[in-house]
């Protein structure tokens, strides 16, 4: 677990947790579930997004309740 203290303003403090393989699991606001080394499900406030990554680590697919995007559409 890693924490960031924002100079006395505790409303801005952040806490991150990671798996043994260095995958982010929580950023204090949402959670990430790694279903495979290249597939992650992110959840926050009842909304869930599933992200898939290629062998080069680039995002290749993004799926949520409203749509599924392919690699060329995933660039944020």
N, C-alpha and C. Protein backbone atom coordinates (compact mmCIF):
# COMPACT_ATOMS: atom_id res chain seq x y z
N UNK A 1 0.85 -1.16 0.00
CA UNK A 1 0.00 0.00 0.00
C UNK A 1 0.90 1.23 0.00
N UNK A 2 0.51 2.21 -0.78
CA UNK A 2 1.24 3.46 -0.87
C UNK A 2 0.27 4.59 -0.59
N UNK A 3 0.69 5.56 0.21
CA UNK A 3 -0.16 6.70 0.53
C UNK A 3 0.52 7.99 0.15
N UNK A 4 -0.29 9.01 -0.16
CA UNK A 4 0.22 10.34 -0.46
C UNK A 4 -0.46 11.31 0.49
N UNK A 5 0.33 12.08 1.23
CA UNK A 5 -0.19 13.07 2.16
C UNK A 5 -0.06 14.44 1.52
N UNK A 6 -1.17 15.13 1.39
CA UNK A 6 -1.20 16.43 0.70
C UNK A 6 -1.11 17.60 1.67
N UNK A 7 -0.01 17.71 2.36
CA UNK A 7 0.34 18.88 3.17
C UNK A 7 -0.76 19.35 4.11
N UNK A 8 -1.30 18.43 4.90
CA UNK A 8 -2.27 18.83 5.91
C UNK A 8 -3.72 18.85 5.47
N UNK A 9 -4.00 18.84 4.17
CA UNK A 9 -5.38 18.81 3.68
C UNK A 9 -5.77 17.35 3.49
N UNK A 10 -6.33 16.73 4.53
CA UNK A 10 -6.64 15.31 4.50
C UNK A 10 -7.70 14.93 3.49
N UNK A 11 -8.48 15.89 2.99
CA UNK A 11 -9.48 15.57 1.98
C UNK A 11 -8.83 15.20 0.65
N UNK A 12 -7.55 15.55 0.48
CA UNK A 12 -6.85 15.25 -0.77
C UNK A 12 -5.92 14.05 -0.65
N UNK A 13 -5.81 13.45 0.54
CA UNK A 13 -4.94 12.29 0.71
C UNK A 13 -5.39 11.15 -0.17
N UNK A 14 -4.43 10.39 -0.68
CA UNK A 14 -4.71 9.27 -1.57
C UNK A 14 -4.01 8.02 -1.06
N UNK A 15 -4.66 6.89 -1.21
CA UNK A 15 -4.06 5.61 -0.84
C UNK A 15 -4.21 4.65 -2.00
N UNK A 16 -3.12 4.05 -2.40
CA UNK A 16 -3.11 3.10 -3.51
C UNK A 16 -2.70 1.74 -2.99
N UNK A 17 -3.30 0.68 -3.52
CA UNK A 17 -2.85 -0.67 -3.17
C UNK A 17 -2.56 -1.44 -4.45
N UNK A 18 -1.57 -2.31 -4.37
CA UNK A 18 -1.08 -3.06 -5.52
C UNK A 18 -1.02 -4.55 -5.21
N UNK A 19 -1.11 -5.37 -6.25
CA UNK A 19 -0.98 -6.81 -6.09
C UNK A 19 0.51 -7.17 -5.97
N UNK A 20 0.78 -8.43 -5.69
CA UNK A 20 2.17 -8.90 -5.61
C UNK A 20 2.89 -8.80 -6.95
N UNK A 21 2.12 -8.72 -8.05
CA UNK A 21 2.71 -8.58 -9.38
C UNK A 21 2.69 -7.14 -9.87
N UNK A 22 2.51 -6.20 -8.95
CA UNK A 22 2.57 -4.76 -9.21
C UNK A 22 1.39 -4.20 -9.99
N UNK A 23 0.27 -4.91 -10.05
CA UNK A 23 -0.93 -4.37 -10.68
C UNK A 23 -1.69 -3.52 -9.67
N UNK A 24 -2.15 -2.35 -10.09
CA UNK A 24 -2.94 -1.48 -9.23
C UNK A 24 -4.27 -2.17 -8.90
N UNK A 25 -4.63 -2.21 -7.61
CA UNK A 25 -5.88 -2.82 -7.17
C UNK A 25 -6.90 -1.79 -6.71
N UNK A 26 -6.43 -0.69 -6.14
CA UNK A 26 -7.34 0.35 -5.65
C UNK A 26 -6.62 1.69 -5.63
N UNK A 27 -7.37 2.75 -5.97
CA UNK A 27 -6.80 4.09 -5.90
C UNK A 27 -7.50 4.92 -4.83
N UNK A 28 -8.22 4.25 -3.94
CA UNK A 28 -8.94 4.94 -2.89
C UNK A 28 -10.35 5.34 -3.29
N UNK A 29 -10.61 5.48 -4.59
CA UNK A 29 -11.94 5.84 -5.08
C UNK A 29 -12.62 4.67 -5.78
N UNK A 30 -11.84 3.86 -6.46
CA UNK A 30 -12.37 2.73 -7.21
C UNK A 30 -11.50 1.51 -7.03
N UNK A 31 -11.98 0.38 -7.53
CA UNK A 31 -11.21 -0.86 -7.42
C UNK A 31 -10.95 -1.45 -8.80
N UNK A 32 -9.86 -2.17 -8.91
CA UNK A 32 -9.50 -2.86 -10.15
C UNK A 32 -9.39 -4.34 -9.85
N UNK A 33 -9.99 -5.17 -10.69
CA UNK A 33 -9.91 -6.62 -10.55
C UNK A 33 -9.22 -7.16 -11.78
N UNK A 34 -8.08 -7.81 -11.60
CA UNK A 34 -7.33 -8.38 -12.73
C UNK A 34 -7.80 -9.80 -12.93
N UNK A 35 -8.54 -10.05 -14.03
CA UNK A 35 -9.12 -11.35 -14.31
C UNK A 35 -8.15 -12.24 -15.06
N UNK A 36 -7.12 -11.66 -15.64
CA UNK A 36 -6.04 -12.34 -16.34
C UNK A 36 -4.92 -11.33 -16.43
N UNK A 37 -3.71 -11.73 -16.79
CA UNK A 37 -2.63 -10.74 -16.87
C UNK A 37 -2.91 -9.58 -17.82
N UNK A 38 -3.82 -9.78 -18.77
CA UNK A 38 -4.09 -8.73 -19.75
C UNK A 38 -5.53 -8.23 -19.75
N UNK A 39 -6.33 -8.61 -18.74
CA UNK A 39 -7.73 -8.18 -18.67
C UNK A 39 -8.00 -7.62 -17.27
N UNK A 40 -8.50 -6.40 -17.23
CA UNK A 40 -8.76 -5.71 -15.96
C UNK A 40 -10.19 -5.19 -15.95
N UNK A 41 -10.85 -5.31 -14.80
CA UNK A 41 -12.18 -4.75 -14.62
C UNK A 41 -12.08 -3.63 -13.58
N UNK A 42 -12.46 -2.43 -13.97
CA UNK A 42 -12.40 -1.27 -13.08
C UNK A 42 -13.81 -0.91 -12.64
N UNK A 43 -14.00 -0.69 -11.32
CA UNK A 43 -15.32 -0.37 -10.78
C UNK A 43 -15.25 0.86 -9.90
N UNK A 44 -16.23 1.74 -10.06
CA UNK A 44 -16.34 2.91 -9.21
C UNK A 44 -17.77 3.40 -9.25
N UNK A 45 -18.33 3.67 -8.08
CA UNK A 45 -19.69 4.19 -7.95
C UNK A 45 -20.72 3.36 -8.72
N UNK A 46 -20.57 2.05 -8.71
CA UNK A 46 -21.53 1.16 -9.37
C UNK A 46 -21.32 0.97 -10.85
N UNK A 47 -20.40 1.69 -11.45
CA UNK A 47 -20.12 1.55 -12.89
C UNK A 47 -18.89 0.66 -13.06
N UNK A 48 -18.90 -0.18 -14.10
CA UNK A 48 -17.79 -1.09 -14.35
C UNK A 48 -17.33 -0.96 -15.79
N UNK A 49 -16.02 -0.93 -15.99
CA UNK A 49 -15.39 -0.90 -17.31
C UNK A 49 -14.41 -2.07 -17.36
N UNK A 50 -14.41 -2.82 -18.45
CA UNK A 50 -13.45 -3.90 -18.64
C UNK A 50 -12.45 -3.47 -19.71
N UNK A 51 -11.17 -3.59 -19.39
CA UNK A 51 -10.10 -3.20 -20.28
C UNK A 51 -9.26 -4.41 -20.64
N UNK A 52 -8.91 -4.56 -21.91
CA UNK A 52 -8.05 -5.65 -22.36
C UNK A 52 -6.80 -5.06 -22.99
N UNK A 53 -5.66 -5.69 -22.74
CA UNK A 53 -4.38 -5.20 -23.22
C UNK A 53 -3.71 -6.24 -24.10
N UNK A 54 -2.98 -5.79 -25.12
CA UNK A 54 -2.23 -6.68 -26.00
C UNK A 54 -0.89 -7.04 -25.41
N UNK A 55 -0.12 -7.88 -26.12
CA UNK A 55 1.18 -8.32 -25.61
C UNK A 55 2.18 -7.18 -25.43
N UNK A 56 1.97 -6.08 -26.12
CA UNK A 56 2.87 -4.93 -25.98
C UNK A 56 2.45 -3.99 -24.85
N UNK A 57 1.37 -4.33 -24.13
CA UNK A 57 0.89 -3.51 -23.03
C UNK A 57 -0.08 -2.42 -23.44
N UNK A 58 -0.32 -2.28 -24.74
CA UNK A 58 -1.26 -1.26 -25.22
C UNK A 58 -2.70 -1.74 -25.04
N UNK A 59 -3.58 -0.82 -24.70
CA UNK A 59 -4.99 -1.16 -24.55
C UNK A 59 -5.56 -1.52 -25.90
N UNK A 60 -6.24 -2.68 -26.00
CA UNK A 60 -6.81 -3.11 -27.27
C UNK A 60 -8.33 -3.15 -27.27
N UNK A 61 -8.95 -3.13 -26.08
CA UNK A 61 -10.40 -3.20 -26.02
C UNK A 61 -10.89 -2.55 -24.73
N UNK A 62 -12.00 -1.83 -24.83
CA UNK A 62 -12.63 -1.18 -23.68
C UNK A 62 -14.12 -1.45 -23.77
N UNK A 63 -14.68 -2.11 -22.76
CA UNK A 63 -16.11 -2.46 -22.78
C UNK A 63 -16.79 -1.94 -21.51
N UNK A 64 -17.97 -1.39 -21.67
CA UNK A 64 -18.80 -1.00 -20.54
C UNK A 64 -20.24 -1.10 -20.97
N UNK A 65 -21.16 -0.71 -20.12
CA UNK A 65 -22.59 -0.89 -20.39
C UNK A 65 -23.05 -0.27 -21.70
N UNK A 66 -22.39 0.77 -22.15
CA UNK A 66 -22.87 1.51 -23.31
C UNK A 66 -22.23 1.11 -24.63
N UNK A 67 -21.01 0.53 -24.60
CA UNK A 67 -20.32 0.27 -25.87
C UNK A 67 -19.10 -0.61 -25.66
N UNK A 68 -18.55 -1.08 -26.77
CA UNK A 68 -17.27 -1.77 -26.80
C UNK A 68 -16.43 -1.09 -27.86
N UNK A 69 -15.21 -0.68 -27.48
CA UNK A 69 -14.32 -0.01 -28.41
C UNK A 69 -13.14 -0.90 -28.76
N UNK A 70 -12.71 -0.85 -30.01
CA UNK A 70 -11.54 -1.62 -30.44
C UNK A 70 -10.27 -0.81 -30.22
N UNK A 71 -9.11 -1.38 -30.54
CA UNK A 71 -7.83 -0.74 -30.26
C UNK A 71 -7.72 0.68 -30.81
N UNK A 72 -8.14 0.90 -32.03
CA UNK A 72 -7.99 2.22 -32.62
C UNK A 72 -8.87 3.26 -31.95
N UNK A 73 -9.91 2.84 -31.24
CA UNK A 73 -10.82 3.76 -30.58
C UNK A 73 -10.47 3.99 -29.10
N UNK A 74 -9.51 3.24 -28.57
CA UNK A 74 -9.20 3.27 -27.14
C UNK A 74 -8.25 4.37 -26.73
N UNK A 75 -7.69 5.08 -27.63
CA UNK A 75 -6.72 6.11 -27.28
C UNK A 75 -7.40 7.28 -26.59
N UNK A 76 -7.14 7.43 -25.30
CA UNK A 76 -7.76 8.52 -24.51
C UNK A 76 -6.86 9.72 -24.46
